[in-house]
Amino acid sequence: MSTKRILVPTDFSIEADSALQTACLIGRTMNRPVTLLHVMEPVKRETAHYRINSEEGLRHYSEVLEQHVLDRMHKVANHPKFEDLSMECLVLRRQDRQTVAQCISDHANELDYHLIVMGTTGAEGLKSQLEGTRTTHVARLADCPVISVSSYDTEAQMSNVVYASDFQHQDINHEAFEQVLELSNVFGATVHLLQVDTHDFSDSEMDFIIEKSMKHFADQWSLDNYTLNIENTNSVEQGILRFATGTHADLIIMNTRQHKGIRKLFEGSLAESLIQHSPIPVCTFRKAG
């Protein structure tokens, strides 16, 4: 794919519409075309709305459903508020052994999308620990940055972004982070570098070391419009959200890593927890390796 595109998966929910509006804000500003994607579940005879007696009948029923979905997507894409954007509509059919998240991420990785913007409803309790959300699964698998959106703020302009990190282990996916920085630069955003210190006490020597690490990071990535920040609290997630809310951030940026085995089930991921709970859009990208 020669043109950098933004992928927006949709299930026609309110959250998906918020993601589309966020993607269109980015698309207009960065001059990026948008692809609206819907993943269809496998069509089976037992789930059809009427009796189907042949494979040909099943194929026809599936084609009718797909055309209905495309018509609905084109109605969204042709709304006057999107008339200044280049937008295409695409339907993919999920395979039996493929999850929706795998279908989305495989398509994005194969065609080298610039960015994925997805709506999220969050997850709570045991579901949060064991399953997460479809958006968190895509964030684990996609090569490009993924922005999760729970609601659309009409006042949002991406003028303040928070990059939260420990700034110690810089195994960053350079290509993905450069795409995030490009987004920040196009919007003229201030990048607030943030480390949350969970120590029970304030240590000026430790603060000096942290600020030195952040300054080194800013120099390494040639950041111009940035601030250095340390938030002292016993919860990293709460510290990030408190700082982001206090600075009226339009976007929180974080690394994430694809966990496996027991770690995937029980250790969890800070970035994925933020995706599920943050009212502010969260942009994640996988670490290198």
Foldseek 3Di string as FASTA:
>chain_A
DPFAAEEQEDPPDQLSVQLVVVRLLLCVLVVHAYEYEYEAEDQDQVPDPDHDDDPVSSVVSVVVVVVVVLVVVVVVCPPPVNPVHHYHYYYHYDDPPGDPLRVVQVVCQVVVHQEYGYEDQFDDDLCCQAPQTSQVSNQQRHQAKYKYAHGHDPPDQQQEEEEEDQLPDQLAPVSRVVSVVVSNVSSPHEYEYEYEDQDPDDDPVVVVVSQVSVVVVCVVVVPDRYHYYYFYHNDRLVRVQVVCVVVVGQEYEYEWHNDDDPCSRHVDTSLSNCSRDPNHMYMYHYGHD
